[in-house]
Amino acid sequence: MLAQQRQQTILERVRSNGGVRVADLVRELGVSDMTIRRDLEVLAERGLLEKVHGGATALGPGSTEEPGFTAKSARQQQEKEAIARHAARLVRPGTAVALSAGTTTWALAHHLVAVPELTVITNSIPVAEVFHRNPRADRTVVLTGGVRTPSDALVGPVAVAAIRRLHVDTLFLGVHGMSVRAGFTTPNLLESETDRELVTAASRLVVPADHTKWNTVGISTIAELSEADVVISDAGLPEEARTELAERAGELIIAEGSP
């Protein structure tokens, strides 16, 4: 395959999936890591995609644009891992927790697989898959039905109906953005409705969100900042955001070990 053909293939993957990983492209296209990275640099210089750690993502997120799970998982990986470690400390054995869709909640799921006697409610296919690959006899996982979104969330009336009769101790809510004006937001209207039902079902709301979510606004509000009992972010969170979140949310935790 010529370089031009390979780059066109990469660009088509980015546009269809929202993002790509270098490792996946190396395996699928049968070329070296260095070759793929050069291709991504060429495409980025032409303004056709955005290079990120370990891959590339599509350009131009707006209030209604919803990146795919692959695209989002390539962003702020170290920060999300640090946030997930801190979030896991809030989970006690024998409790019921809900994890909404998102790559930070997906990272959290990996830290919860060893927690005994846990009941997990989720509308995220990747989150449910983490627990499925790490089975425990004393764990119950409930995956809501619904319509699948680009971020692999299950949303809509079926998901809402499934959640409506449930009650959980803690909800870990993945968000697209957070701001003083709009609160915690998502670019997907149906996902917003489903997430609001999860908020209602929970005794405690924890929002794990890295610093890039600050002042990013999706089209629909899930909850106000003041509804969060805990917000967990990373060291890159600006002072303005720290002040606002400390004043409005119940507690702000800055994850140690984040960049």
C-alpha atoms as a PDB file:
ATOM      1  CA  MET A   1       0.000   0.000   0.000  1.00  0.00           C
ATOM      2  CA  LEU A   2       1.343   3.418  -0.964  1.00  0.00           C
ATOM      3  CA  ALA A   3       1.705   6.128   1.684  1.00  0.00           C
ATOM      4  CA  GLN A   4      -1.145   8.131   0.169  1.00  0.00           C
ATOM      5  CA  GLN A   5      -3.455   5.132   0.193  1.00  0.00           C
ATOM      6  CA  ARG A   6      -2.476   4.280   3.761  1.00  0.00           C
ATOM      7  CA  GLN A   7      -3.094   7.826   4.948  1.00  0.00           C
ATOM      8  CA  GLN A   8      -6.493   7.871   3.245  1.00  0.00           C
ATOM      9  CA  THR A   9      -7.363   4.628   5.023  1.00  0.00           C
ATOM     10  CA  ILE A  10      -6.291   6.115   8.355  1.00  0.00           C
ATOM     11  CA  LEU A  11      -8.336   9.255   7.750  1.00  0.00           C
ATOM     12  CA  GLU A  12     -11.420   7.197   6.889  1.00  0.00           C
ATOM     13  CA  ARG A  13     -11.023   5.233  10.144  1.00  0.00           C
ATOM     14  CA  VAL A  14     -10.739   8.454  12.132  1.00  0.00           C
ATOM     15  CA  ARG A  15     -13.837   9.935  10.530  1.00  0.00           C
ATOM     16  CA  SER A  16     -15.931   6.789  10.963  1.00  0.00           C
ATOM     17  CA  ASN A  17     -14.797   5.882  14.505  1.00  0.00           C
ATOM     18  CA  GLY A  18     -13.899   9.307  15.884  1.00  0.00           C
ATOM     19  CA  GLY A  19     -10.321   8.217  16.518  1.00  0.00           C
ATOM     20  CA  VAL A  20      -7.633   5.566  16.065  1.00  0.00           C
ATOM     21  CA  ARG A  21      -4.852   3.982  18.096  1.00  0.00           C
ATOM     22  CA  VAL A  22      -1.322   3.625  16.724  1.00  0.00           C
ATOM     23  CA  ALA A  23      -1.090   0.030  17.967  1.00  0.00           C
ATOM     24  CA  ASP A  24      -4.295  -0.952  16.156  1.00  0.00           C
ATOM     25  CA  LEU A  25      -3.124   0.624  12.893  1.00  0.00           C
ATOM     26  CA  VAL A  26       0.260  -1.086  13.104  1.00  0.00           C
ATOM     27  CA  ARG A  27      -1.462  -4.445  13.416  1.00  0.00           C
ATOM     28  CA  GLU A  28      -4.133  -3.840  10.795  1.00  0.00           C
ATOM     29  CA  LEU A  29      -1.957  -2.196   8.126  1.00  0.00           C
ATOM     30  CA  GLY A  30       1.136  -4.310   8.674  1.00  0.00           C
ATOM     31  CA  VAL A  31       3.621  -1.431   8.936  1.00  0.00           C
ATOM     32  CA  SER A  32       5.905  -0.138  11.659  1.00  0.00           C
ATOM     33  CA  ASP A  33       4.985   2.059  14.588  1.00  0.00           C
ATOM     34  CA  MET A  34       7.229   4.805  13.175  1.00  0.00           C
ATOM     35  CA  THR A  35       5.486   4.683   9.786  1.00  0.00           C
ATOM     36  CA  ILE A  36       2.067   5.141  11.367  1.00  0.00           C
ATOM     37  CA  ARG A  37       3.301   8.027  13.490  1.00  0.00           C
ATOM     38  CA  ARG A  38       4.732   9.741  10.389  1.00  0.00           C
ATOM     39  CA  ASP A  39       1.398   9.269   8.616  1.00  0.00           C
ATOM     40  CA  LEU A  40      -0.431  10.842  11.549  1.00  0.00           C
ATOM     41  CA  GLU A  41       1.980  13.770  11.553  1.00  0.00           C
ATOM     42  CA  VAL A  42       1.366  14.363   7.852  1.00  0.00           C
ATOM     43  CA  LEU A  43      -2.404  14.274   8.326  1.00  0.00           C
ATOM     44  CA  ALA A  44      -2.217  16.526  11.385  1.00  0.00           C
ATOM     45  CA  GLU A  45      -0.072  19.070   9.513  1.00  0.00           C
ATOM     46  CA  ARG A  46      -2.724  19.135   6.784  1.00  0.00           C
ATOM     47  CA  GLY A  47      -5.354  19.914   9.423  1.00  0.00           C
ATOM     48  CA  LEU A  48      -7.263  16.671   8.847  1.00  0.00           C
ATOM     49  CA  LEU A  49      -7.007  15.171  12.342  1.00  0.00           C
ATOM     50  CA  GLU A  50      -5.603  15.834  15.811  1.00  0.00           C
ATOM     51  CA  LYS A  51      -2.667  13.819  17.131  1.00  0.00           C
ATOM     52  CA  VAL A  52      -3.034  12.628  20.712  1.00  0.00           C
ATOM     53  CA  HIS A  53      -1.002  10.345  22.955  1.00  0.00           C
ATOM     54  CA  GLY A  54      -1.069   6.894  21.372  1.00  0.00           C
ATOM     55  CA  GLY A  55      -3.149   7.802  18.336  1.00  0.00           C
ATOM     56  CA  ALA A  56      -5.298  10.473  16.730  1.00  0.00           C
ATOM     57  CA  THR A  57      -8.815  11.877  16.942  1.00  0.00           C
ATOM     58  CA  ALA A  58     -11.197  13.727  14.671  1.00  0.00           C
ATOM     59  CA  LEU A  59     -11.214  17.524  14.691  1.00  0.00           C
ATOM     60  CA  GLY A  60     -13.821  20.040  15.682  1.00  0.00           C
ATOM     61  CA  PRO A  61     -15.888  18.849  18.668  1.00  0.00           C
ATOM     62  CA  GLY A  62     -19.022  20.913  19.096  1.00  0.00           C
ATOM     63  CA  SER A  63     -21.989  20.876  21.454  1.00  0.00           C
ATOM     64  CA  THR A  64     -23.687  18.075  19.502  1.00  0.00           C
ATOM     65  CA  GLU A  65     -20.637  16.183  18.235  1.00  0.00           C
ATOM     66  CA  GLU A  66     -20.106  12.914  20.054  1.00  0.00           C
ATOM     67  CA  PRO A  67     -16.659  11.276  19.693  1.00  0.00           C
ATOM     68  CA  GLY A  68     -16.540   7.497  19.539  1.00  0.00           C
ATOM     69  CA  PHE A  69     -15.292   5.409  22.452  1.00  0.00           C
ATOM     70  CA  THR A  70     -11.949   4.752  20.723  1.00  0.00           C
ATOM     71  CA  ALA A  71     -11.350   8.460  20.205  1.00  0.00           C
ATOM     72  CA  LYS A  72     -12.115   9.367  23.784  1.00  0.00           C
ATOM     73  CA  SER A  73     -10.105   6.515  25.270  1.00  0.00           C
ATOM     74  CA  ALA A  74      -6.960   7.855  23.574  1.00  0.00           C
ATOM     75  CA  ARG A  75      -7.237  11.199  25.379  1.00  0.00           C
ATOM     76  CA  GLN A  76      -5.776  12.098  28.813  1.00  0.00           C
ATOM     77  CA  GLN A  77      -5.004   8.461  29.618  1.00  0.00           C
ATOM     78  CA  GLN A  78      -2.700   9.202  32.569  1.00  0.00           C
ATOM     79  CA  GLU A  79      -5.131  11.679  34.092  1.00  0.00           C
ATOM     80  CA  LYS A  80      -8.058   9.274  33.741  1.00  0.00           C
ATOM     81  CA  GLU A  81      -6.080   6.477  35.359  1.00  0.00           C
ATOM     82  CA  ALA A  82      -5.180   8.667  38.353  1.00  0.00           C
ATOM     83  CA  ILE A  83      -8.798   9.789  38.698  1.00  0.00           C
ATOM     84  CA  ALA A  84     -10.025   6.187  38.486  1.00  0.00           C
ATOM     85  CA  ARG A  85      -7.677   5.075  41.274  1.00  0.00           C
ATOM     86  CA  HIS A  86      -9.042   7.765  43.580  1.00  0.00           C
ATOM     87  CA  ALA A  87     -12.652   7.045  42.622  1.00  0.00           C
ATOM     88  CA  ALA A  88     -12.212   3.354  43.444  1.00  0.00           C
ATOM     89  CA  ARG A  89     -11.352   4.279  47.036  1.00  0.00           C
ATOM     90  CA  LEU A  90     -14.922   5.527  47.460  1.00  0.00           C
ATOM     91  CA  VAL A  91     -16.403   2.068  46.839  1.00  0.00           C
ATOM     92  CA  ARG A  92     -16.986  -0.310  49.756  1.00  0.00           C
ATOM     93  CA  PRO A  93     -17.616  -4.066  49.475  1.00  0.00           C
ATOM     94  CA  GLY A  94     -21.249  -5.062  49.568  1.00  0.00           C
ATOM     95  CA  THR A  95     -22.609  -1.862  48.015  1.00  0.00           C
ATOM     96  CA  ALA A  96     -24.539  -1.071  44.853  1.00  0.00           C
ATOM     97  CA  VAL A  97     -22.881   1.311  42.396  1.00  0.00           C
ATOM     98  CA  ALA A  98     -23.824   2.670  38.985  1.00  0.00           C
ATOM     99  CA  LEU A  99     -21.301   3.529  36.292  1.00  0.00           C
ATOM    100  CA  SER A 100     -22.540   5.600  33.389  1.00  0.00           C
ATOM    101  CA  ALA A 101     -20.880   5.443  29.988  1.00  0.00           C
ATOM    102  CA  GLY A 102     -17.488   7.049  29.478  1.00  0.00           C
ATOM    103  CA  THR A 103     -13.808   6.262  29.229  1.00  0.00           C
ATOM    104  CA  THR A 104     -13.069   7.443  32.782  1.00  0.00           C
ATOM    105  CA  THR A 105     -15.782   5.200  34.216  1.00  0.00           C
ATOM    106  CA  TRP A 106     -14.377   2.423  32.008  1.00  0.00           C
ATOM    107  CA  ALA A 107     -10.964   2.999  33.630  1.00  0.00           C
ATOM    108  CA  LEU A 108     -12.668   2.903  37.040  1.00  0.00           C
ATOM    109  CA  ALA A 109     -14.295  -0.443  36.238  1.00  0.00           C
ATOM    110  CA  HIS A 110     -10.854  -2.040  35.994  1.00  0.00           C
ATOM    111  CA  HIS A 111     -10.166  -0.956  39.578  1.00  0.00           C
ATOM    112  CA  LEU A 112     -13.453  -2.388  40.858  1.00  0.00           C
ATOM    113  CA  VAL A 113     -13.172  -5.942  39.538  1.00  0.00           C
ATOM    114  CA  ALA A 114     -11.590  -7.139  42.797  1.00  0.00           C
ATOM    115  CA  VAL A 115     -14.166  -5.540  45.117  1.00  0.00           C
ATOM    116  CA  PRO A 116     -16.241  -8.313  46.763  1.00  0.00           C
ATOM    117  CA  GLU A 117     -20.023  -8.512  46.901  1.00  0.00           C
ATOM    118  CA  LEU A 118     -20.530  -5.606  44.525  1.00  0.00           C
ATOM    119  CA  THR A 119     -23.688  -4.869  42.544  1.00  0.00           C
ATOM    120  CA  VAL A 120     -23.007  -2.851  39.406  1.00  0.00           C
ATOM    121  CA  ILE A 121     -25.604  -1.066  37.291  1.00  0.00           C
ATOM    122  CA  THR A 122     -24.358   0.315  33.971  1.00  0.00           C
ATOM    123  CA  ASN A 123     -25.589   1.516  30.602  1.00  0.00           C
ATOM    124  CA  SER A 124     -22.073   1.184  29.145  1.00  0.00           C
ATOM    125  CA  ILE A 125     -21.226  -1.800  26.972  1.00  0.00           C
ATOM    126  CA  PRO A 126     -17.426  -1.441  27.506  1.00  0.00           C
ATOM    127  CA  VAL A 127     -17.881  -1.149  31.295  1.00  0.00           C
ATOM    128  CA  ALA A 128     -20.039  -4.277  31.394  1.00  0.00           C
ATOM    129  CA  GLU A 129     -17.443  -6.088  29.280  1.00  0.00           C
ATOM    130  CA  VAL A 130     -14.700  -5.308  31.840  1.00  0.00           C
ATOM    131  CA  PHE A 131     -16.654  -7.112  34.552  1.00  0.00           C
ATOM    132  CA  HIS A 132     -17.629  -9.924  32.172  1.00  0.00           C
ATOM    133  CA  ARG A 133     -13.947 -10.617  31.447  1.00  0.00           C
ATOM    134  CA  ASN A 134     -13.174 -10.655  35.186  1.00  0.00           C
ATOM    135  CA  PRO A 135     -16.000 -12.740  36.704  1.00  0.00           C
ATOM    136  CA  ARG A 136     -16.744 -13.106  40.421  1.00  0.00           C
ATOM    137  CA  ALA A 137     -19.433 -15.359  41.895  1.00  0.00           C
ATOM    138  CA  ASP A 138     -20.341 -12.711  44.474  1.00  0.00           C
ATOM    139  CA  ARG A 139     -20.848  -9.877  41.957  1.00  0.00           C
ATOM    140  CA  THR A 140     -24.027  -8.889  40.110  1.00  0.00           C
ATOM    141  CA  VAL A 141     -23.840  -6.782  36.945  1.00  0.00           C
ATOM    142  CA  VAL A 142     -26.972  -5.287  35.416  1.00  0.00           C
ATOM    143  CA  LEU A 143     -26.625  -3.892  31.877  1.00  0.00           C
ATOM    144  CA  THR A 144     -29.566  -1.750  30.827  1.00  0.00           C
ATOM    145  CA  GLY A 145     -31.062  -2.178  27.411  1.00  0.00           C
ATOM    146  CA  GLY A 146     -31.517   0.684  25.013  1.00  0.00           C
ATOM    147  CA  VAL A 147     -30.274   2.271  21.808  1.00  0.00           C
ATOM    148  CA  ARG A 148     -26.501   2.287  21.324  1.00  0.00           C
ATOM    149  CA  THR A 149     -24.721   5.647  20.920  1.00  0.00           C
ATOM    150  CA  PRO A 150     -21.320   6.382  19.286  1.00  0.00           C
ATOM    151  CA  SER A 151     -19.772   6.300  22.782  1.00  0.00           C
ATOM    152  CA  ASP A 152     -21.204   2.785  23.355  1.00  0.00           C
ATOM    153  CA  ALA A 153     -23.844   3.937  25.835  1.00  0.00           C
ATOM    154  CA  LEU A 154     -27.287   2.354  25.934  1.00  0.00           C
ATOM    155  CA  VAL A 155     -29.887   5.113  26.087  1.00  0.00           C
ATOM    156  CA  GLY A 156     -33.512   5.962  25.449  1.00  0.00           C
ATOM    157  CA  PRO A 157     -36.883   4.768  26.822  1.00  0.00           C
ATOM    158  CA  VAL A 158     -35.810   1.156  27.408  1.00  0.00           C
ATOM    159  CA  ALA A 159     -32.777   2.239  29.430  1.00  0.00           C
ATOM    160  CA  VAL A 160     -34.802   4.808  31.379  1.00  0.00           C
ATOM    161  CA  ALA A 161     -37.488   2.230  32.230  1.00  0.00           C
ATOM    162  CA  ALA A 162     -34.854  -0.235  33.450  1.00  0.00           C
ATOM    163  CA  ILE A 163     -33.168   2.343  35.689  1.00  0.00           C
ATOM    164  CA  ARG A 164     -36.359   3.918  37.065  1.00  0.00           C
ATOM    165  CA  ARG A 165     -37.063   1.119  39.570  1.00  0.00           C
ATOM    166  CA  LEU A 166     -33.465   0.812  40.787  1.00  0.00           C
ATOM    167  CA  HIS A 167     -31.654   2.396  43.742  1.00  0.00           C
ATOM    168  CA  VAL A 168     -27.870   2.559  44.143  1.00  0.00           C
ATOM    169  CA  ASP A 169     -25.528   3.860  46.812  1.00  0.00           C
ATOM    170  CA  THR A 170     -23.209   5.730  44.444  1.00  0.00           C
ATOM    171  CA  LEU A 171     -23.307   6.829  40.820  1.00  0.00           C
ATOM    172  CA  PHE A 172     -20.051   7.518  38.986  1.00  0.00           C
ATOM    173  CA  LEU A 173     -21.152   9.829  36.193  1.00  0.00           C
ATOM    174  CA  GLY A 174     -19.050  10.236  33.067  1.00  0.00           C
ATOM    175  CA  VAL A 175     -19.533  13.640  31.443  1.00  0.00           C
ATOM    176  CA  HIS A 176     -18.648  15.359  28.178  1.00  0.00           C
ATOM    177  CA  GLY A 177     -18.140  18.722  29.839  1.00  0.00           C
ATOM    178  CA  MET A 178     -18.721  20.840  32.934  1.00  0.00           C
ATOM    179  CA  SER A 179     -19.171  24.563  33.417  1.00  0.00           C
ATOM    180  CA  VAL A 180     -20.722  27.036  35.820  1.00  0.00           C
ATOM    181  CA  ARG A 181     -23.373  28.037  33.275  1.00  0.00           C
ATOM    182  CA  ALA A 182     -24.365  24.622  31.921  1.00  0.00           C
ATOM    183  CA  GLY A 183     -23.395  22.222  34.715  1.00  0.00           C
ATOM    184  CA  PHE A 184     -22.481  18.661  33.702  1.00  0.00           C
ATOM    185  CA  THR A 185     -23.343  18.096  30.048  1.00  0.00           C
ATOM    186  CA  THR A 186     -23.457  15.606  27.177  1.00  0.00           C
ATOM    187  CA  PRO A 187     -23.731  16.046  23.382  1.00  0.00           C
ATOM    188  CA  ASN A 188     -26.446  13.356  23.187  1.00  0.00           C
ATOM    189  CA  LEU A 189     -30.023  14.265  24.154  1.00  0.00           C
ATOM    190  CA  LEU A 190     -31.113  10.685  24.813  1.00  0.00           C
ATOM    191  CA  GLU A 191     -28.001   9.999  26.875  1.00  0.00           C
ATOM    192  CA  SER A 192     -28.758  13.079  28.957  1.00  0.00           C
ATOM    193  CA  GLU A 193     -32.220  11.747  29.756  1.00  0.00           C
ATOM    194  CA  THR A 194     -30.818   8.351  30.699  1.00  0.00           C
ATOM    195  CA  ASP A 195     -28.062   9.870  32.844  1.00  0.00           C
ATOM    196  CA  ARG A 196     -30.572  12.057  34.689  1.00  0.00           C
ATOM    197  CA  GLU A 197     -32.463   8.898  35.616  1.00  0.00           C
ATOM    198  CA  LEU A 198     -29.220   7.442  36.995  1.00  0.00           C
ATOM    199  CA  VAL A 199     -28.701  10.609  39.063  1.00  0.00           C
ATOM    200  CA  THR A 200     -32.195  10.221  40.522  1.00  0.00           C
ATOM    201  CA  ALA A 201     -31.523   6.575  41.398  1.00  0.00           C
ATOM    202  CA  ALA A 202     -28.333   7.339  43.361  1.00  0.00           C
ATOM    203  CA  SER A 203     -27.858   8.373  46.982  1.00  0.00           C
ATOM    204  CA  ARG A 204     -24.468   9.887  46.130  1.00  0.00           C
ATOM    205  CA  LEU A 205     -23.246  11.452  42.881  1.00  0.00           C
ATOM    206  CA  VAL A 206     -19.537  11.277  42.056  1.00  0.00           C
ATOM    207  CA  VAL A 207     -18.271  12.918  38.861  1.00  0.00           C
ATOM    208  CA  PRO A 208     -14.804  11.747  37.706  1.00  0.00           C
ATOM    209  CA  ALA A 209     -13.774  14.312  35.064  1.00  0.00           C
ATOM    210  CA  ASP A 210     -10.334  15.326  33.824  1.00  0.00           C
ATOM    211  CA  HIS A 211      -9.326  18.986  33.432  1.00  0.00           C
ATOM    212  CA  THR A 212     -10.156  19.159  29.710  1.00  0.00           C
ATOM    213  CA  LYS A 213     -13.854  18.830  30.570  1.00  0.00           C
ATOM    214  CA  TRP A 214     -13.855  22.275  32.218  1.00  0.00           C
ATOM    215  CA  ASN A 215     -15.726  24.863  30.125  1.00  0.00           C
ATOM    216  CA  THR A 216     -16.587  22.219  27.535  1.00  0.00           C
ATOM    217  CA  VAL A 217     -20.333  22.357  26.957  1.00  0.00           C
ATOM    218  CA  GLY A 218     -22.539  19.687  25.407  1.00  0.00           C
ATOM    219  CA  ILE A 219     -26.012  20.457  24.118  1.00  0.00           C
ATOM    220  CA  SER A 220     -27.869  18.972  27.101  1.00  0.00           C
ATOM    221  CA  THR A 221     -27.423  19.350  30.870  1.00  0.00           C
ATOM    222  CA  ILE A 222     -27.420  16.215  32.997  1.00  0.00           C
ATOM    223  CA  ALA A 223     -27.079  17.881  36.404  1.00  0.00           C
ATOM    224  CA  GLU A 224     -26.002  21.150  37.980  1.00  0.00           C
ATOM    225  CA  LEU A 225     -22.558  21.392  39.571  1.00  0.00           C
ATOM    226  CA  SER A 226     -24.219  21.703  42.972  1.00  0.00           C
ATOM    227  CA  GLU A 227     -25.821  18.265  42.595  1.00  0.00           C
ATOM    228  CA  ALA A 228     -22.423  16.513  42.726  1.00  0.00           C
ATOM    229  CA  ASP A 229     -21.412  15.196  46.127  1.00  0.00           C
ATOM    230  CA  VAL A 230     -17.857  14.643  44.874  1.00  0.00           C
ATOM    231  CA  VAL A 231     -15.949  15.798  41.788  1.00  0.00           C
ATOM    232  CA  ILE A 232     -12.622  14.084  41.083  1.00  0.00           C
ATOM    233  CA  SER A 233     -10.257  15.778  38.643  1.00  0.00           C
ATOM    234  CA  ASP A 234      -6.526  16.003  37.970  1.00  0.00           C
ATOM    235  CA  ALA A 235      -3.666  18.404  38.611  1.00  0.00           C
ATOM    236  CA  GLY A 236      -4.261  20.170  35.294  1.00  0.00           C
ATOM    237  CA  LEU A 237      -7.560  21.635  36.514  1.00  0.00           C
ATOM    238  CA  PRO A 238      -7.217  25.458  36.420  1.00  0.00           C
ATOM    239  CA  GLU A 239      -7.537  27.537  39.582  1.00  0.00           C
ATOM    240  CA  GLU A 240     -10.760  29.114  38.386  1.00  0.00           C
ATOM    241  CA  ALA A 241     -12.329  25.681  38.041  1.00  0.00           C
ATOM    242  CA  ARG A 242     -11.043  24.568  41.433  1.00  0.00           C
ATOM    243  CA  THR A 243     -12.595  27.599  43.085  1.00  0.00           C
ATOM    244  CA  GLU A 244     -15.951  27.171  41.388  1.00  0.00           C
ATOM    245  CA  LEU A 245     -16.157  23.427  42.002  1.00  0.00           C
ATOM    246  CA  ALA A 246     -15.034  23.723  45.626  1.00  0.00           C
ATOM    247  CA  GLU A 247     -17.792  26.265  46.219  1.00  0.00           C
ATOM    248  CA  ARG A 248     -20.572  24.544  44.300  1.00  0.00           C
ATOM    249  CA  ALA A 249     -19.975  20.781  44.599  1.00  0.00           C
ATOM    250  CA  GLY A 250     -19.923  18.918  47.891  1.00  0.00           C
ATOM    251  CA  GLU A 251     -16.222  18.044  47.650  1.00  0.00           C
ATOM    252  CA  LEU A 252     -13.433  18.462  45.099  1.00  0.00           C
ATOM    253  CA  ILE A 253     -10.653  15.870  44.987  1.00  0.00           C
ATOM    254  CA  ILE A 254      -7.514  16.438  42.915  1.00  0.00           C
ATOM    255  CA  ALA A 255      -6.073  13.052  42.001  1.00  0.00           C
ATOM    256  CA  GLU A 256      -2.492  12.706  43.175  1.00  0.00           C
ATOM    257  CA  GLY A 257      -0.130  11.212  40.650  1.00  0.00           C
ATOM    258  CA  SER A 258      -1.777  12.945  37.710  1.00  0.00           C
ATOM    259  CA  PRO A 259       0.438  15.044  35.405  1.00  0.00           C
END
